[in-house]
Each structure stands twice: as C-alpha cells, then as structure tokens.
Amino acid sequence: MQVTETLAEGLKRELKIEIPASDLATRLDEYLVDMKDKVRINGFRPGKVPLAHLKKLYGRQAMAELLSNLINETSNKAIEDRSEKPALQPEIDLPEEDAERVLAGEADLNFTMKYDILPEFELIDFSTLELERPIVEIADEEVDEQVKQIAESNRSFDAREEGAVSENGDRVTMSYLGKIDGEPFEGGADENGQLVLGSGQFIPGFEEQLVGLKVGDEKVVEVSFPEEYGAQHLAGKAATFDVVIKEIAAPGELSIDDDMASKLGLESLDKLKEIIRSQIESQYGAATRQKVKRALLDKMDEAYSFDLPEKLVSTEFDGVWRQVQADMEQTGKSFEDEDTTEEEAKAEYQRIAERRVRLGLVLSEVGEKNNIQVTDEEVQRALYDRVRQFPGQEQQVFEFYQKNPQALASLRAPIYEEKVVDFILELAKITDKVVSKEELLKQDEDEA
C-alpha cells in the first residue's frame, strides 16, 4: 500500500492510496482458498473445488467484498499512521470505470480519500472563569398564592335557582360551536364545556359576553383570536360562537385548611405548602441551571477561536436550517414576519452552527481529557423517561431505540454534555446573585 498526501490545507486533507493489482490477486486467492471449504458445488467434494473454477464462479463477487473491506481497512490505517482524528467519516472516491477494471483484475486499486481533521487547541484554566448564578428567594406569599389557586380549582359549585342570571365567579356549563366566516373550524365545538366566568381561560372578550344569561339562553359571542394565538390558522381571525347555556352554578366557600389538603390526599395544609415550595424551588433551580450554563458557554465561546472543520459546520447548519424551515411551515410565518430576510437568517444560523460545533469540540476535549463517562444505567434511565412520553406505544419506542445505535447515542449525548458542564462549573468561581423571578424566568433574545 502506498499513501500519497495530495492536499494539506488548514484542516483539509486528501490522500491517494494505491494497492498493486498483484497484491489484490494474492488477497483474492487467499479469500477464495478460505471460501472453498465453505461453499457447496455440485460435482465436487467439500474443499476440493479447483481454485480456477471457484474464481470463475465467484471471483467478481469475492473481489467486490474484498475491495469493500480493503478500502475500509487501508483508509483507517492511513489515518492511524498519520495520528490524525477525522471530524467525520472520510469521503472515498473510486471512479466507476476504474472500479470495473479493478474488479476484473486488470488494474491497480487507486482511490482518494478526503476528510477534515479535528483542530488542536489548548484548554483554558477553568478556575479563572467568573460566573454569576441568579437565584430567587421564594416568598411565603408566592407559596400562598399557589395554594389559593389549588383551592380555587377544587372549589365546589352549587347549581343556582331556576331563573338566576350568571355572574362573575359562576361556573357555566354550555354547548358552543365556533365559526370563522360562517364555517365551523376544527377544535371550536363542545357539548358540555365548563367555564368559570372571570377566570380568563377563554379568548379575551368571550367570558364577559356570558354574564347576565339564564339557563336555556342562546347567545352569539363575537370575538377575535389574539395575533399571537398558538394555532397559527386562527391567530388574528374574527370568530363567532353559537352558545347555549345548560347550567349556572355558584361558587361554594373557598376553604384553605387541613380539610382541603386532606381532600388532595395530604395530611395537612403545611404539607401541601411544603410540596408547593419544593416544586417552586425545582422550577427556579432548573431556570438557574440554564442561566448559569448559558453564561458558561458564552464565556467559553469568547475564550476559544480556532478553525472549524467545514463539513462538520455544514452538517450542523443543515440540521438547524431544516428545523427552522419546518417550524416556519408549521406556524405559517415568513422571514418578513420575523423582521428579517432569508439571507440574514441564514447568516445568523451559520453563526449558531459554528458556535455549536466549536463548543461541542471543546466540551468533548474536556470530557476526554478528564475521563468523563456516561454509564449504561444513565442511558437506560433516559430511555425509560423517553418511552414514558409515548403512552400506549412504549414497546415500539423501546424497540426503536434498542435497534438504532444512533438514536440511543442521541440520548447519551445530552447526558455527557451536562456532566462535562458540571465538571467545569465545579472549577469555576461562581457568585450567587439574588434576582426577581421575572428576571430569572425572562427568556433572553438569543435563547429565543
């Protein structure tokens, strides 16, 4: 095997590999000798098939299998001998006309392989990183407010007397049919919908028009869906709802005590407050974690500047751009709606792709140098969490991941990233900063 470097420019590499036809013929004979003890051919005892006859019958097929294995073997060895780390699987180029001659044993094997190598860089001293960790001090009033909301959702309602009219705070049971331009739309109908008037659960302006009605009354409610409504095909559209009131129920007394907690299966109101406080802490803790991680990645993005493998970046960009296009198609939005152009958006997502690749390479290097591992147990837990997201399809989802190593790797990757981030945060200097919950939960423009 002869290896000739034909390109070494930045991170790009191109090698030409040559294997003489005589070497291929020798390998083919060895391959066929091994094969003759395994094949069964009429007229010949096992292992007694002449090599020439075997070559006539299976020579081309054997050479094709041999070449596939040989190209893989020699390309791996060439890279290993050069002590290089390809960013992605090398591209192999063997012209079809040359392949035909090689298969026929008439020519040397000559193929080229192109690949980008991973860049070399020095890791910074992570103990020099200074980060702020935003935290929220949970006030008793916030816990009490959530307790009140739970009590409200479990409040009893009693049917009003015949002829009574609806008031704010009442729960009405109704049938309704929504229409846009006189035509019913999907998801706009219910035979026994319930709504507490004044709760703000329905489209703005809907609930106010149901105040002052009696059981049996019919009402055409006229509203407009908000411009930012979740269902894009309804956003900003004027609609009517044909409503028939079936029941009006007055709210019972709001009780916030141990009896209310016991109805929820808890021993006391204090226990309910303890659980709620824990849930709030968990919510804020997750937000704090994301803010600190984002700040860390921003610092690391500033700290590192090195050439990136073009193929790796283009692969990342293609994935991001496909998601952008799918999201826009689903929401029905255009680049103009986002106050940008396709060219500007592509430039921005190119920057994002480069950032992701750069930080991915840095995190990978940190993990490798510090022997950070993801255990099989951690992957299994992630798999079970994923499976639970598809009730009724658990077995199919489980089998899909078990049969697809790439899909299983997609569960391992975020676990690995989080463990590497944890490792770096242990070394960094972190100062807690008390902030409001609004500031903590605010989504930064870049995050959006």
Protein backbone atom coordinates (compact mmCIF):
# COMPACT_ATOMS: atom_id res chain seq x y z
CA MET A 1 0.00 0.00 0.00
CA GLN A 2 1.34 3.41 -0.99
CA VAL A 3 -0.14 6.55 0.56
CA THR A 4 0.47 9.96 -1.01
CA GLU A 5 -0.73 13.19 0.54
CA THR A 6 -2.26 15.33 -2.21
CA LEU A 7 -3.76 18.09 -0.05
CA ALA A 8 -2.93 19.51 3.38
CA GLU A 9 -4.59 22.90 3.62
CA GLY A 10 -5.79 24.08 7.01
CA LEU A 11 -7.90 21.23 8.36
CA LYS A 12 -8.50 19.70 4.93
CA ARG A 13 -6.72 16.52 3.97
CA GLU A 14 -6.69 14.44 0.79
CA LEU A 15 -4.80 11.19 0.39
CA LYS A 16 -4.25 8.97 -2.62
CA ILE A 17 -3.94 5.29 -1.82
CA GLU A 18 -2.52 2.77 -4.28
CA ILE A 19 -2.57 -1.01 -3.99
CA PRO A 20 -0.96 -3.00 -6.85
CA ALA A 21 -3.09 -5.45 -8.82
CA SER A 22 -0.62 -8.20 -7.85
CA ASP A 23 -1.43 -7.63 -4.16
CA LEU A 24 -5.13 -7.73 -4.95
CA ALA A 25 -4.69 -11.02 -6.84
CA THR A 26 -2.83 -12.54 -3.88
CA ARG A 27 -5.53 -11.41 -1.48
CA LEU A 28 -8.24 -12.74 -3.80
CA ASP A 29 -6.58 -16.16 -3.93
CA GLU A 30 -6.37 -16.23 -0.13
CA TYR A 31 -10.02 -15.18 0.06
CA LEU A 32 -11.09 -17.94 -2.34
CA VAL A 33 -8.99 -20.58 -0.59
CA ASP A 34 -10.81 -19.76 2.60
CA MET A 35 -14.12 -19.81 0.72
CA LYS A 36 -13.69 -23.23 -0.92
CA ASP A 37 -14.02 -25.03 2.41
CA LYS A 38 -17.37 -23.32 2.98
CA VAL A 39 -19.18 -23.49 -0.37
CA ARG A 40 -21.04 -26.49 -1.78
CA ILE A 41 -20.85 -27.02 -5.58
CA ASN A 42 -22.42 -29.97 -7.40
CA GLY A 43 -19.84 -32.42 -8.71
CA PHE A 44 -17.18 -31.52 -6.17
CA ARG A 45 -16.49 -32.83 -2.72
CA PRO A 46 -16.33 -30.23 0.07
CA GLY A 47 -12.98 -28.43 -0.02
CA LYS A 48 -11.96 -29.98 -3.38
CA VAL A 49 -13.24 -27.27 -5.73
CA PRO A 50 -10.36 -26.12 -8.02
CA LEU A 51 -9.36 -22.52 -7.36
CA ALA A 52 -9.73 -21.60 -11.04
CA HIS A 53 -13.31 -22.90 -11.12
CA LEU A 54 -14.12 -21.09 -7.88
CA LYS A 55 -12.66 -17.87 -9.30
CA LYS A 56 -14.78 -18.27 -12.45
CA LEU A 57 -17.96 -18.67 -10.38
CA TYR A 58 -17.35 -16.25 -7.51
CA GLY A 59 -14.30 -14.19 -8.49
CA ARG A 60 -16.12 -10.92 -9.20
CA GLN A 61 -18.36 -11.21 -6.12
CA ALA A 62 -15.37 -12.11 -3.94
CA MET A 63 -13.33 -9.21 -5.34
CA ALA A 64 -16.18 -6.78 -4.61
CA GLU A 65 -16.37 -7.92 -0.98
CA LEU A 66 -12.58 -7.85 -0.75
CA LEU A 67 -12.38 -4.29 -2.10
CA SER A 68 -15.03 -3.03 0.30
CA ASN A 69 -13.14 -4.46 3.27
CA LEU A 70 -9.77 -3.41 1.89
CA ILE A 71 -10.75 0.22 1.27
CA ASN A 72 -12.12 0.49 4.80
CA GLU A 73 -9.06 -1.21 6.28
CA THR A 74 -6.44 0.77 4.36
CA SER A 75 -8.14 4.14 4.82
CA ASN A 76 -8.35 3.57 8.59
CA LYS A 77 -4.68 2.51 8.70
CA ALA A 78 -3.58 5.52 6.65
CA ILE A 79 -5.24 7.87 9.12
CA GLU A 80 -3.95 5.92 12.11
CA ASP A 81 -0.38 6.05 10.76
CA ARG A 82 -0.71 9.83 10.46
CA SER A 83 -2.10 10.14 14.03
CA GLU A 84 -4.98 12.24 12.77
CA LYS A 85 -8.56 12.49 14.03
CA PRO A 86 -11.11 12.93 11.22
CA ALA A 87 -14.05 15.18 12.07
CA LEU A 88 -16.39 12.92 10.08
CA GLN A 89 -16.18 9.70 8.09
CA PRO A 90 -13.78 10.30 5.14
CA GLU A 91 -15.23 10.58 1.63
CA ILE A 92 -13.91 7.82 -0.64
CA ASP A 93 -13.64 8.45 -4.37
CA LEU A 94 -13.16 5.49 -6.70
CA PRO A 95 -14.29 6.27 -10.26
CA GLU A 96 -16.75 3.72 -11.60
CA GLU A 97 -14.69 2.96 -14.71
CA ASP A 98 -11.61 2.29 -12.56
CA ALA A 99 -13.67 0.10 -10.22
CA GLU A 100 -14.77 -2.09 -13.16
CA ARG A 101 -11.16 -2.70 -14.22
CA VAL A 102 -10.10 -3.44 -10.64
CA LEU A 103 -12.96 -5.91 -10.24
CA ALA A 104 -11.82 -7.64 -13.40
CA GLY A 105 -8.25 -7.86 -12.05
CA GLU A 106 -6.94 -5.61 -14.82
CA ALA A 107 -5.76 -2.58 -12.83
CA ASP A 108 -4.21 -1.41 -9.59
CA LEU A 109 -6.57 -0.11 -6.93
CA ASN A 110 -6.28 3.70 -6.80
CA PHE A 111 -8.68 5.72 -4.67
CA THR A 112 -8.66 9.06 -2.94
CA MET A 113 -10.00 9.92 0.49
CA LYS A 114 -10.97 13.40 1.59
CA TYR A 115 -11.59 14.46 5.18
CA ASP A 116 -11.33 17.30 7.66
CA ILE A 117 -9.25 16.75 10.75
CA LEU A 118 -10.23 17.94 14.20
CA PRO A 119 -8.42 21.13 15.21
CA GLU A 120 -5.88 21.19 18.01
CA PHE A 121 -6.30 23.70 20.83
CA GLU A 122 -5.30 24.18 24.43
CA LEU A 123 -7.92 24.11 27.17
CA ILE A 124 -8.10 27.22 29.31
CA ASP A 125 -7.79 27.18 33.09
CA PHE A 126 -11.43 26.89 34.07
CA SER A 127 -10.71 28.11 37.60
CA THR A 128 -10.21 31.58 36.10
CA LEU A 129 -13.82 31.73 34.90
CA GLU A 130 -16.06 34.01 36.97
CA LEU A 131 -19.81 33.49 36.74
CA GLU A 132 -22.93 34.84 38.44
CA ARG A 133 -25.62 32.42 39.48
CA PRO A 134 -29.08 34.11 39.56
CA ILE A 135 -31.25 32.79 42.37
CA VAL A 136 -34.73 33.64 43.61
CA GLU A 137 -35.70 33.79 47.26
CA ILE A 138 -39.14 32.21 47.50
CA ALA A 139 -41.55 34.38 49.46
CA ASP A 140 -44.32 32.88 51.59
CA GLU A 141 -46.78 34.97 49.56
CA GLU A 142 -45.84 33.08 46.39
CA VAL A 143 -46.49 29.74 48.07
CA ASP A 144 -49.78 31.03 49.48
CA GLU A 145 -50.85 32.24 46.02
CA GLN A 146 -50.34 28.79 44.53
CA VAL A 147 -52.18 27.22 47.45
CA LYS A 148 -55.06 29.58 46.73
CA GLN A 149 -55.04 28.59 43.05
CA ILE A 150 -55.25 24.92 44.03
CA ALA A 151 -58.12 25.70 46.38
CA GLU A 152 -59.87 27.61 43.60
CA SER A 153 -59.50 24.68 41.21
CA ASN A 154 -61.00 22.37 43.83
CA ARG A 155 -63.77 24.75 44.91
CA SER A 156 -67.24 23.24 44.90
CA PHE A 157 -70.07 24.75 42.84
CA ASP A 158 -73.80 24.52 43.51
CA ALA A 159 -76.46 24.96 40.82
CA ARG A 160 -78.26 28.30 41.06
CA GLU A 161 -82.03 28.50 41.42
CA GLU A 162 -84.21 28.48 38.33
CA GLY A 163 -84.23 31.82 36.53
CA ALA A 164 -80.99 33.06 38.08
CA VAL A 165 -78.64 35.01 35.83
CA SER A 166 -74.91 34.33 35.56
CA GLU A 167 -72.38 36.47 37.43
CA ASN A 168 -68.62 36.71 37.50
CA GLY A 169 -67.29 33.80 39.52
CA ASP A 170 -70.10 31.47 38.43
CA ARG A 171 -69.35 28.28 36.56
CA VAL A 172 -71.41 27.88 33.41
CA THR A 173 -71.90 24.64 31.55
CA MET A 174 -72.59 25.24 27.88
CA SER A 175 -72.56 23.89 24.36
CA TYR A 176 -70.84 26.03 21.75
CA LEU A 177 -69.92 25.97 18.07
CA GLY A 178 -67.18 28.27 16.79
CA LYS A 179 -67.19 29.62 13.25
CA ILE A 180 -64.90 31.72 11.09
CA ASP A 181 -66.52 33.37 8.08
CA GLY A 182 -69.62 31.35 8.86
CA GLU A 183 -67.81 27.99 8.67
CA PRO A 184 -67.13 25.77 11.74
CA PHE A 185 -63.43 25.27 12.49
CA GLU A 186 -61.63 22.31 13.99
CA GLY A 187 -61.47 22.33 17.80
CA GLY A 188 -64.11 25.03 18.11
CA ALA A 189 -67.01 22.93 19.45
CA ASP A 190 -68.03 21.32 22.73
CA GLU A 191 -71.32 19.92 24.01
CA ASN A 192 -70.62 20.29 27.73
CA GLY A 193 -67.89 22.85 28.11
CA GLN A 194 -67.39 24.39 31.54
CA LEU A 195 -66.05 27.85 32.23
CA VAL A 196 -65.68 29.92 35.38
CA LEU A 197 -66.62 33.45 34.37
CA GLY A 198 -63.88 35.95 35.06
CA SER A 199 -61.13 33.29 35.11
CA GLY A 200 -59.63 34.44 31.82
CA GLN A 201 -59.42 30.88 30.48
CA PHE A 202 -61.08 31.58 27.14
CA ILE A 203 -60.37 34.02 24.32
CA PRO A 204 -60.34 37.66 25.52
CA GLY A 205 -63.86 39.10 25.42
CA PHE A 206 -65.61 35.71 25.45
CA GLU A 207 -66.43 35.38 29.15
CA GLU A 208 -67.77 38.93 29.57
CA GLN A 209 -70.49 38.21 27.00
CA LEU A 210 -71.83 35.31 29.08
CA VAL A 211 -72.54 37.44 32.16
CA GLY A 212 -76.27 38.08 32.74
CA LEU A 213 -77.58 34.98 30.92
CA LYS A 214 -80.01 32.33 32.22
CA VAL A 215 -80.15 28.56 31.69
CA GLY A 216 -81.53 27.93 28.20
CA ASP A 217 -80.41 31.26 26.81
CA GLU A 218 -78.74 31.30 23.41
CA LYS A 219 -76.02 33.79 22.61
CA VAL A 220 -73.83 34.52 19.59
CA VAL A 221 -70.48 35.54 21.07
CA GLU A 222 -68.28 37.67 18.81
CA VAL A 223 -64.52 37.67 19.49
CA SER A 224 -61.16 37.85 17.74
CA PHE A 225 -58.33 35.43 18.34
CA PRO A 226 -55.14 37.12 19.60
CA GLU A 227 -52.44 37.80 17.00
CA GLU A 228 -50.06 35.56 18.96
CA TYR A 229 -52.56 32.70 19.33
CA GLY A 230 -50.91 29.27 19.38
CA ALA A 231 -52.85 27.88 16.40
CA GLN A 232 -51.50 29.93 13.51
CA HIS A 233 -54.53 29.31 11.28
CA LEU A 234 -56.72 31.03 13.89
CA ALA A 235 -54.38 33.82 15.02
CA GLY A 236 -55.87 37.26 14.50
CA LYS A 237 -59.09 35.88 12.97
CA ALA A 238 -62.56 37.19 13.86
CA ALA A 239 -64.86 34.40 15.06
CA THR A 240 -68.37 33.79 16.35
CA PHE A 241 -69.52 31.18 18.84
CA ASP A 242 -73.10 29.91 19.00
CA VAL A 243 -73.54 29.32 22.74
CA VAL A 244 -76.37 27.62 24.65
CA ILE A 245 -76.29 27.86 28.48
CA LYS A 246 -77.05 24.49 30.11
CA GLU A 247 -76.27 25.15 33.79
CA ILE A 248 -75.21 28.01 36.04
CA ALA A 249 -73.50 27.11 39.30
CA ALA A 250 -72.47 29.46 42.10
CA PRO A 251 -69.09 29.01 43.80
CA GLY A 252 -69.04 27.44 47.24
CA GLU A 253 -66.97 28.74 50.12
CA LEU A 254 -63.24 28.86 49.45
CA SER A 255 -61.59 26.80 52.18
CA ILE A 256 -57.83 26.80 52.65
CA ASP A 257 -57.24 24.48 55.58
CA ASP A 258 -56.30 20.96 56.60
CA ASP A 259 -59.62 19.63 55.29
CA MET A 260 -58.83 20.96 51.81
CA ALA A 261 -55.37 19.34 51.97
CA SER A 262 -56.87 16.03 53.09
CA LYS A 263 -59.12 16.00 50.01
CA LEU A 264 -55.91 16.06 47.99
CA GLY A 265 -54.57 13.06 49.91
CA LEU A 266 -52.25 15.05 52.19
CA GLU A 267 -52.16 15.06 55.96
CA SER A 268 -52.14 18.83 56.45
CA LEU A 269 -52.08 22.28 54.86
CA ASP A 270 -48.45 22.65 55.97
CA LYS A 271 -47.55 19.51 54.00
CA LEU A 272 -49.23 20.96 50.91
CA LYS A 273 -47.25 24.19 51.32
CA GLU A 274 -44.05 22.16 51.73
CA ILE A 275 -44.71 20.32 48.47
CA ILE A 276 -45.54 23.51 46.61
CA ARG A 277 -42.40 25.24 47.89
CA SER A 278 -40.35 22.26 46.73
CA GLN A 279 -41.93 22.43 43.27
CA ILE A 280 -41.22 26.16 43.01
CA GLU A 281 -37.63 25.57 44.09
CA SER A 282 -37.29 22.88 41.42
CA GLN A 283 -38.71 25.20 38.76
CA TYR A 284 -36.41 28.06 39.70
CA GLY A 285 -33.49 25.68 40.12
CA ALA A 286 -33.89 24.47 36.54
CA ALA A 287 -34.04 28.06 35.29
CA THR A 288 -30.96 28.97 37.35
CA ARG A 289 -29.11 26.00 35.90
CA GLN A 290 -29.95 27.07 32.34
CA LYS A 291 -28.83 30.65 33.00
CA VAL A 292 -25.52 29.55 34.51
CA LYS A 293 -24.92 27.06 31.70
CA ARG A 294 -25.67 29.72 29.11
CA ALA A 295 -23.28 32.16 30.81
CA LEU A 296 -20.59 29.47 30.94
CA LEU A 297 -20.97 28.62 27.25
CA ASP A 298 -20.87 32.32 26.37
CA LYS A 299 -17.59 32.69 28.29
CA MET A 300 -16.15 29.63 26.58
CA ASP A 301 -17.27 30.87 23.17
CA GLU A 302 -15.35 34.08 23.84
CA ALA A 303 -12.30 32.19 25.09
CA TYR A 304 -11.82 29.92 22.07
CA SER A 305 -11.11 30.84 18.48
CA PHE A 306 -9.84 28.17 16.10
CA ASP A 307 -10.54 26.88 12.62
CA LEU A 308 -13.52 24.55 12.34
CA PRO A 309 -13.99 21.54 10.05
CA GLU A 310 -16.16 22.86 7.21
CA LYS A 311 -18.05 19.60 6.77
CA LEU A 312 -18.88 19.45 10.46
CA VAL A 313 -20.21 23.01 10.40
CA SER A 314 -22.23 22.46 7.20
CA THR A 315 -23.76 19.29 8.65
CA GLU A 316 -24.76 21.20 11.81
CA PHE A 317 -26.12 24.11 9.80
CA ASP A 318 -28.19 21.81 7.57
CA GLY A 319 -29.80 20.28 10.66
CA VAL A 320 -30.57 23.69 12.18
CA TRP A 321 -31.91 25.08 8.91
CA ARG A 322 -34.20 22.10 8.34
CA GLN A 323 -35.69 22.70 11.79
CA VAL A 324 -36.14 26.41 11.07
CA GLN A 325 -37.95 25.66 7.81
CA ALA A 326 -40.14 23.02 9.47
CA ASP A 327 -41.08 25.46 12.26
CA MET A 328 -41.92 28.20 9.77
CA GLU A 329 -44.02 25.82 7.68
CA GLN A 330 -45.89 24.68 10.78
CA THR A 331 -46.59 28.20 12.05
CA GLY A 332 -47.19 29.69 8.62
CA LYS A 333 -44.75 32.54 9.31
CA SER A 334 -42.31 34.08 6.86
CA PHE A 335 -38.93 35.78 7.27
CA GLU A 336 -40.69 39.11 6.80
CA ASP A 337 -42.89 38.29 9.81
CA GLU A 338 -39.70 37.91 11.83
CA ASP A 339 -38.42 41.27 10.52
CA THR A 340 -35.54 39.66 8.62
CA THR A 341 -34.65 38.15 5.25
CA GLU A 342 -33.72 34.61 4.31
CA GLU A 343 -30.12 35.70 3.68
CA GLU A 344 -29.85 37.40 7.08
CA ALA A 345 -31.44 34.40 8.79
CA LYS A 346 -29.01 32.02 7.11
CA ALA A 347 -26.06 34.16 8.21
CA GLU A 348 -27.35 34.13 11.79
CA TYR A 349 -27.92 30.37 11.84
CA GLN A 350 -24.50 29.85 10.28
CA ARG A 351 -23.06 31.68 13.28
CA ILE A 352 -25.11 29.48 15.59
CA ALA A 353 -23.89 26.33 13.81
CA GLU A 354 -20.27 27.46 14.17
CA ARG A 355 -20.79 28.19 17.87
CA ARG A 356 -22.34 24.78 18.45
CA VAL A 357 -19.51 22.97 16.68
CA ARG A 358 -16.82 24.98 18.47
CA LEU A 359 -18.33 24.44 21.92
CA GLY A 360 -19.03 20.79 21.11
CA LEU A 361 -15.36 20.23 20.29
CA VAL A 362 -14.26 21.99 23.48
CA LEU A 363 -16.68 20.04 25.70
CA SER A 364 -15.65 16.80 24.02
CA GLU A 365 -11.98 17.58 24.68
CA VAL A 366 -12.71 18.38 28.33
CA GLY A 367 -14.61 15.13 28.73
CA GLU A 368 -11.93 13.05 27.05
CA LYS A 369 -9.04 14.56 28.97
CA ASN A 370 -10.84 14.14 32.28
CA ASN A 371 -12.24 10.69 31.57
CA ILE A 372 -15.86 11.75 31.96
CA GLN A 373 -18.14 8.80 31.18
CA VAL A 374 -21.84 8.16 30.76
CA THR A 375 -22.89 4.88 32.35
CA ASP A 376 -25.26 2.38 30.77
CA GLU A 377 -27.58 2.90 33.75
CA GLU A 378 -27.81 6.64 32.97
CA VAL A 379 -28.68 5.92 29.34
CA GLN A 380 -31.30 3.38 30.42
CA ARG A 381 -32.94 5.95 32.72
CA ALA A 382 -33.02 8.44 29.85
CA LEU A 383 -34.52 5.76 27.62
CA TYR A 384 -37.27 4.97 30.14
CA ASP A 385 -38.03 8.69 30.50
CA ARG A 386 -38.30 8.92 26.74
CA VAL A 387 -40.54 5.87 26.50
CA ARG A 388 -42.94 7.31 29.07
CA GLN A 389 -43.55 10.26 26.75
CA PHE A 390 -45.43 7.93 24.39
CA PRO A 391 -48.22 6.28 26.38
CA GLY A 392 -49.63 3.28 24.60
CA GLN A 393 -46.57 2.98 22.34
CA GLU A 394 -43.99 2.11 24.97
CA GLN A 395 -42.92 -1.20 23.44
CA GLN A 396 -42.49 0.19 19.92
CA VAL A 397 -40.47 3.17 21.15
CA PHE A 398 -38.29 0.98 23.35
CA GLU A 399 -37.55 -1.40 20.47
CA PHE A 400 -36.79 1.51 18.12
CA TYR A 401 -34.05 2.82 20.40
CA GLN A 402 -32.70 -0.66 21.13
CA LYS A 403 -32.35 -1.39 17.41
CA ASN A 404 -30.91 2.01 16.43
CA PRO A 405 -27.49 2.79 17.94
CA GLN A 406 -27.61 6.31 16.51
CA ALA A 407 -30.93 7.02 18.24
CA LEU A 408 -29.54 5.63 21.50
CA ALA A 409 -26.48 7.84 21.09
CA SER A 410 -28.82 10.85 20.87
CA LEU A 411 -29.89 10.05 24.45
CA ARG A 412 -26.31 9.69 25.63
CA ALA A 413 -25.05 12.97 24.14
CA PRO A 414 -27.03 15.44 26.32
CA ILE A 415 -26.17 13.45 29.46
CA TYR A 416 -22.49 13.65 28.54
CA GLU A 417 -22.75 17.38 27.88
CA GLU A 418 -24.40 18.05 31.24
CA LYS A 419 -21.72 16.04 33.08
CA VAL A 420 -18.94 17.96 31.36
CA VAL A 421 -20.66 21.27 32.17
CA ASP A 422 -20.97 20.16 35.82
CA PHE A 423 -17.25 19.34 35.85
CA ILE A 424 -16.34 22.81 34.57
CA LEU A 425 -18.73 24.57 36.95
CA GLU A 426 -17.07 22.80 39.87
CA LEU A 427 -13.82 24.53 38.88
CA ALA A 428 -15.23 27.97 38.03
CA LYS A 429 -15.72 30.80 40.52
CA ILE A 430 -19.47 31.23 40.96
CA THR A 431 -21.14 34.04 42.88
CA ASP A 432 -24.81 33.90 43.79
CA LYS A 433 -26.93 36.91 42.84
CA VAL A 434 -30.49 37.33 44.13
CA VAL A 435 -32.87 38.35 41.34
CA SER A 436 -36.62 38.61 40.87
CA LYS A 437 -38.50 35.66 39.47
CA GLU A 438 -39.38 37.77 36.41
CA GLU A 439 -35.71 38.36 35.69
CA LEU A 440 -34.82 34.72 36.24
CA LEU A 441 -37.57 33.39 34.01
CA LYS A 442 -37.15 36.01 31.31
CA GLN A 443 -36.07 34.42 28.05
CA ASP A 444 -33.10 36.18 26.52
CA GLU A 445 -33.37 37.18 22.87
CA ASP A 446 -30.52 34.86 21.88
CA GLU A 447 -32.12 31.97 23.75
CA ALA A 448 -35.40 32.61 21.94
